Amino acid sequence: ALNDPVFVECAQALGRRLALMTESDEIRIRQAFQLCFNRLPRPYEEQVLLASLHDERASFVKSSGEAVAFVGNYGDNAVPMHEMAAWISVSRTVLNLDEFITRE
């Protein structure tokens, strides 16, 4: 489930990994797909996640307290808290896709 503690920690760990990368946002999203699905995102998937990332960044910049709570123990001084929180949010989205949850 989306709010299960293990799921939250997995999203925090993946988000931290992505946030610490120095590549572009697009490359980070592609890396998330490679790690989770062993494939690249389709163009529309990448665009949706990029839009979500931009929205989350803006939201967490306005709510630094929420960003701190969202990041938990996965913060890193090398990355601003709002940036880390935005990547964790994107990671939660990726990990909640049916393709990740359901294996056939």
N, C-alpha and C. Protein backbone atom coordinates (compact mmCIF):
# COMPACT_ATOMS: atom_id res chain seq x y z
N ALA A 1 0.84 -1.18 0.00
CA ALA A 1 0.00 0.00 0.00
C ALA A 1 0.88 1.24 0.00
N LEU A 2 0.37 2.30 -0.56
CA LEU A 2 1.12 3.54 -0.76
C LEU A 2 1.69 4.10 0.53
N ASN A 3 0.99 3.98 1.65
CA ASN A 3 1.46 4.54 2.91
C ASN A 3 2.11 3.52 3.83
N ASP A 4 2.30 2.31 3.37
CA ASP A 4 2.98 1.28 4.15
C ASP A 4 4.40 1.77 4.45
N PRO A 5 4.89 1.60 5.69
CA PRO A 5 6.22 2.10 6.04
C PRO A 5 7.34 1.58 5.13
N VAL A 6 7.27 0.34 4.72
CA VAL A 6 8.30 -0.22 3.84
C VAL A 6 8.25 0.47 2.48
N PHE A 7 7.06 0.68 1.96
CA PHE A 7 6.89 1.36 0.68
C PHE A 7 7.44 2.78 0.76
N VAL A 8 7.11 3.48 1.84
CA VAL A 8 7.58 4.86 2.03
C VAL A 8 9.11 4.88 2.05
N GLU A 9 9.73 3.96 2.78
CA GLU A 9 11.18 3.92 2.85
C GLU A 9 11.81 3.58 1.50
N CYS A 10 11.19 2.70 0.76
CA CYS A 10 11.70 2.38 -0.58
C CYS A 10 11.66 3.61 -1.48
N ALA A 11 10.58 4.36 -1.42
CA ALA A 11 10.46 5.58 -2.21
C ALA A 11 11.49 6.61 -1.76
N GLN A 12 11.71 6.71 -0.45
CA GLN A 12 12.71 7.65 0.05
C GLN A 12 14.10 7.27 -0.43
N ALA A 13 14.42 5.99 -0.40
CA ALA A 13 15.74 5.53 -0.84
C ALA A 13 15.93 5.76 -2.34
N LEU A 14 14.93 5.43 -3.15
CA LEU A 14 15.02 5.65 -4.59
C LEU A 14 15.09 7.14 -4.89
N GLY A 15 14.26 7.93 -4.23
CA GLY A 15 14.27 9.37 -4.44
C GLY A 15 15.61 9.99 -4.09
N ARG A 16 16.20 9.53 -3.00
CA ARG A 16 17.52 10.03 -2.60
C ARG A 16 18.56 9.68 -3.67
N ARG A 17 18.51 8.45 -4.13
CA ARG A 17 19.45 8.02 -5.17
C ARG A 17 19.33 8.89 -6.42
N LEU A 18 18.11 9.17 -6.84
CA LEU A 18 17.89 10.00 -8.02
C LEU A 18 18.31 11.44 -7.78
N ALA A 19 17.98 11.97 -6.61
CA ALA A 19 18.30 13.36 -6.30
C ALA A 19 19.80 13.60 -6.24
N LEU A 20 20.56 12.60 -5.84
CA LEU A 20 22.02 12.74 -5.73
C LEU A 20 22.73 12.61 -7.07
N MET A 21 22.01 12.19 -8.10
CA MET A 21 22.61 12.11 -9.43
C MET A 21 22.84 13.53 -9.96
N THR A 22 23.86 13.70 -10.77
CA THR A 22 24.16 15.03 -11.32
C THR A 22 23.62 15.22 -12.73
N GLU A 23 22.99 14.21 -13.27
CA GLU A 23 22.46 14.28 -14.63
C GLU A 23 21.17 15.10 -14.67
N SER A 24 20.65 15.28 -15.88
CA SER A 24 19.41 16.03 -16.08
C SER A 24 18.21 15.30 -15.47
N ASP A 25 17.13 16.03 -15.32
CA ASP A 25 15.89 15.43 -14.81
C ASP A 25 15.43 14.28 -15.69
N GLU A 26 15.54 14.46 -17.01
CA GLU A 26 15.11 13.42 -17.94
C GLU A 26 15.93 12.14 -17.74
N ILE A 27 17.21 12.28 -17.58
CA ILE A 27 18.07 11.10 -17.39
C ILE A 27 17.75 10.43 -16.06
N ARG A 28 17.47 11.21 -15.05
CA ARG A 28 17.11 10.63 -13.74
C ARG A 28 15.81 9.83 -13.83
N ILE A 29 14.84 10.37 -14.55
CA ILE A 29 13.57 9.65 -14.71
C ILE A 29 13.81 8.36 -15.50
N ARG A 30 14.63 8.42 -16.50
CA ARG A 30 14.97 7.21 -17.26
C ARG A 30 15.66 6.19 -16.37
N GLN A 31 16.53 6.66 -15.48
CA GLN A 31 17.21 5.77 -14.55
C GLN A 31 16.20 5.09 -13.62
N ALA A 32 15.21 5.84 -13.15
CA ALA A 32 14.18 5.25 -12.29
C ALA A 32 13.45 4.13 -13.02
N PHE A 33 13.13 4.35 -14.29
CA PHE A 33 12.44 3.32 -15.07
C PHE A 33 13.34 2.12 -15.30
N GLN A 34 14.61 2.37 -15.57
CA GLN A 34 15.53 1.24 -15.76
C GLN A 34 15.62 0.42 -14.48
N LEU A 35 15.71 1.07 -13.34
CA LEU A 35 15.82 0.36 -12.07
C LEU A 35 14.55 -0.41 -11.72
N CYS A 36 13.40 0.21 -11.97
CA CYS A 36 12.13 -0.39 -11.54
C CYS A 36 11.49 -1.31 -12.57
N PHE A 37 11.69 -1.02 -13.85
CA PHE A 37 10.98 -1.77 -14.89
C PHE A 37 11.90 -2.40 -15.93
N ASN A 38 13.19 -2.09 -15.85
CA ASN A 38 14.15 -2.59 -16.83
C ASN A 38 13.80 -2.14 -18.26
N ARG A 39 13.32 -0.91 -18.35
CA ARG A 39 13.01 -0.32 -19.64
C ARG A 39 13.04 1.20 -19.51
N LEU A 40 13.06 1.87 -20.65
CA LEU A 40 12.97 3.33 -20.65
C LEU A 40 11.51 3.75 -20.59
N PRO A 41 11.22 4.94 -20.07
CA PRO A 41 9.84 5.40 -20.06
C PRO A 41 9.38 5.76 -21.47
N ARG A 42 8.10 5.57 -21.70
CA ARG A 42 7.53 6.03 -22.96
C ARG A 42 7.52 7.56 -22.91
N PRO A 43 7.52 8.22 -24.06
CA PRO A 43 7.57 9.70 -24.05
C PRO A 43 6.50 10.34 -23.16
N TYR A 44 5.27 9.84 -23.21
CA TYR A 44 4.22 10.45 -22.40
C TYR A 44 4.45 10.19 -20.91
N GLU A 45 5.02 9.04 -20.55
CA GLU A 45 5.33 8.76 -19.15
C GLU A 45 6.39 9.74 -18.64
N GLU A 46 7.40 9.95 -19.46
CA GLU A 46 8.46 10.88 -19.07
C GLU A 46 7.90 12.29 -18.90
N GLN A 47 7.04 12.71 -19.81
CA GLN A 47 6.47 14.06 -19.73
C GLN A 47 5.60 14.23 -18.48
N VAL A 48 4.80 13.22 -18.17
CA VAL A 48 3.94 13.29 -16.97
C VAL A 48 4.80 13.39 -15.72
N LEU A 49 5.85 12.58 -15.64
CA LEU A 49 6.71 12.61 -14.46
C LEU A 49 7.51 13.90 -14.37
N LEU A 50 7.93 14.45 -15.50
CA LEU A 50 8.62 15.74 -15.47
C LEU A 50 7.69 16.84 -14.98
N ALA A 51 6.45 16.84 -15.45
CA ALA A 51 5.49 17.84 -14.98
C ALA A 51 5.22 17.69 -13.49
N SER A 52 5.10 16.45 -13.05
CA SER A 52 4.90 16.18 -11.63
C SER A 52 6.09 16.66 -10.81
N LEU A 53 7.29 16.39 -11.30
CA LEU A 53 8.50 16.83 -10.61
C LEU A 53 8.52 18.34 -10.45
N HIS A 54 8.20 19.07 -11.51
CA HIS A 54 8.19 20.53 -11.44
C HIS A 54 7.14 21.04 -10.46
N ASP A 55 5.97 20.41 -10.46
CA ASP A 55 4.92 20.80 -9.53
C ASP A 55 5.33 20.53 -8.08
N GLU A 56 5.93 19.36 -7.85
CA GLU A 56 6.37 19.00 -6.50
C GLU A 56 7.47 19.92 -6.00
N ARG A 57 8.39 20.26 -6.87
CA ARG A 57 9.46 21.21 -6.49
C ARG A 57 8.85 22.52 -6.01
N ALA A 58 7.94 23.05 -6.80
CA ALA A 58 7.32 24.32 -6.44
C ALA A 58 6.55 24.21 -5.13
N SER A 59 5.86 23.12 -4.95
CA SER A 59 5.08 22.91 -3.72
C SER A 59 5.98 22.80 -2.50
N PHE A 60 7.05 22.02 -2.60
CA PHE A 60 7.93 21.83 -1.45
C PHE A 60 8.78 23.06 -1.15
N VAL A 61 9.05 23.90 -2.15
CA VAL A 61 9.75 25.16 -1.88
C VAL A 61 8.89 26.03 -0.96
N LYS A 62 7.59 26.01 -1.18
CA LYS A 62 6.66 26.82 -0.37
C LYS A 62 6.43 26.22 1.01
N SER A 63 6.63 24.92 1.16
CA SER A 63 6.35 24.22 2.42
C SER A 63 7.59 23.46 2.88
N SER A 64 8.57 24.18 3.39
CA SER A 64 9.81 23.52 3.78
C SER A 64 9.60 22.52 4.92
N GLY A 65 8.63 22.78 5.81
CA GLY A 65 8.34 21.84 6.88
C GLY A 65 7.82 20.52 6.35
N GLU A 66 6.98 20.58 5.34
CA GLU A 66 6.47 19.36 4.72
C GLU A 66 7.60 18.61 4.01
N ALA A 67 8.51 19.34 3.39
CA ALA A 67 9.64 18.70 2.71
C ALA A 67 10.49 17.94 3.71
N VAL A 68 10.77 18.53 4.85
CA VAL A 68 11.57 17.88 5.88
C VAL A 68 10.88 16.61 6.36
N ALA A 69 9.60 16.67 6.62
CA ALA A 69 8.85 15.50 7.08
C ALA A 69 8.82 14.42 6.00
N PHE A 70 8.67 14.83 4.76
CA PHE A 70 8.57 13.88 3.64
C PHE A 70 9.89 13.15 3.42
N VAL A 71 11.00 13.85 3.59
CA VAL A 71 12.32 13.27 3.37
C VAL A 71 12.72 12.36 4.53
N GLY A 72 12.33 12.69 5.73
CA GLY A 72 12.67 11.87 6.88
C GLY A 72 14.17 11.78 7.08
N ASN A 73 14.68 10.58 7.27
CA ASN A 73 16.12 10.37 7.51
C ASN A 73 16.93 10.24 6.22
N TYR A 74 16.32 10.53 5.09
CA TYR A 74 17.00 10.32 3.81
C TYR A 74 17.58 11.60 3.22
N GLY A 75 17.66 12.64 4.01
CA GLY A 75 18.23 13.90 3.55
C GLY A 75 19.73 13.80 3.33
N ASP A 76 20.26 14.76 2.60
CA ASP A 76 21.69 14.83 2.33
C ASP A 76 22.03 16.31 2.13
N ASN A 77 23.09 16.76 2.77
CA ASN A 77 23.47 18.17 2.67
C ASN A 77 23.81 18.61 1.26
N ALA A 78 24.09 17.66 0.37
CA ALA A 78 24.44 17.99 -1.01
C ALA A 78 23.23 18.39 -1.85
N VAL A 79 22.03 18.11 -1.34
CA VAL A 79 20.81 18.37 -2.12
C VAL A 79 19.83 19.16 -1.25
N PRO A 80 19.28 20.27 -1.79
CA PRO A 80 18.28 21.01 -1.01
C PRO A 80 17.09 20.12 -0.64
N MET A 81 16.52 20.37 0.52
CA MET A 81 15.43 19.53 1.04
C MET A 81 14.24 19.48 0.08
N HIS A 82 13.88 20.61 -0.54
CA HIS A 82 12.73 20.61 -1.46
C HIS A 82 13.02 19.75 -2.69
N GLU A 83 14.28 19.72 -3.12
CA GLU A 83 14.66 18.90 -4.28
C GLU A 83 14.59 17.41 -3.93
N MET A 84 15.10 17.06 -2.76
CA MET A 84 15.04 15.67 -2.30
C MET A 84 13.59 15.22 -2.18
N ALA A 85 12.75 16.05 -1.59
CA ALA A 85 11.34 15.71 -1.41
C ALA A 85 10.64 15.54 -2.75
N ALA A 86 10.96 16.38 -3.72
CA ALA A 86 10.34 16.27 -5.04
C ALA A 86 10.70 14.94 -5.71
N TRP A 87 11.96 14.53 -5.58
CA TRP A 87 12.37 13.25 -6.17
C TRP A 87 11.76 12.06 -5.44
N ILE A 88 11.60 12.19 -4.15
CA ILE A 88 10.91 11.13 -3.39
C ILE A 88 9.47 11.01 -3.85
N SER A 89 8.83 12.13 -4.09
CA SER A 89 7.46 12.11 -4.57
C SER A 89 7.35 11.43 -5.94
N VAL A 90 8.26 11.76 -6.83
CA VAL A 90 8.28 11.10 -8.15
C VAL A 90 8.52 9.60 -7.98
N SER A 91 9.41 9.25 -7.08
CA SER A 91 9.69 7.83 -6.83
C SER A 91 8.47 7.11 -6.31
N ARG A 92 7.70 7.76 -5.44
CA ARG A 92 6.47 7.14 -4.94
C ARG A 92 5.51 6.87 -6.09
N THR A 93 5.44 7.80 -7.03
CA THR A 93 4.57 7.62 -8.19
C THR A 93 5.02 6.42 -9.01
N VAL A 94 6.31 6.34 -9.30
CA VAL A 94 6.84 5.23 -10.09
C VAL A 94 6.59 3.90 -9.39
N LEU A 95 6.87 3.85 -8.10
CA LEU A 95 6.71 2.60 -7.35
C LEU A 95 5.24 2.20 -7.19
N ASN A 96 4.34 3.14 -7.42
CA ASN A 96 2.91 2.83 -7.29
C ASN A 96 2.27 2.47 -8.63
N LEU A 97 3.02 2.47 -9.71
CA LEU A 97 2.46 2.08 -11.00
C LEU A 97 2.13 0.59 -11.01
N ASP A 98 1.07 0.24 -11.69
CA ASP A 98 0.65 -1.16 -11.77
C ASP A 98 1.78 -2.06 -12.26
N GLU A 99 2.58 -1.56 -13.18
CA GLU A 99 3.67 -2.36 -13.75
C GLU A 99 4.67 -2.76 -12.67
N PHE A 100 4.85 -1.93 -11.65
CA PHE A 100 5.77 -2.26 -10.56
C PHE A 100 5.12 -3.21 -9.56
N ILE A 101 3.86 -2.98 -9.27
CA ILE A 101 3.16 -3.73 -8.24
C ILE A 101 2.77 -5.13 -8.72
N THR A 102 2.36 -5.25 -9.99
CA THR A 102 1.85 -6.50 -10.52
C THR A 102 2.86 -7.13 -11.47
N ARG A 103 3.28 -8.31 -11.14
CA ARG A 103 4.21 -9.04 -12.02
C ARG A 103 3.44 -10.20 -12.63
N GLU A 104 3.46 -10.28 -13.96
CA GLU A 104 2.76 -11.37 -14.64
C GLU A 104 3.74 -12.32 -15.27
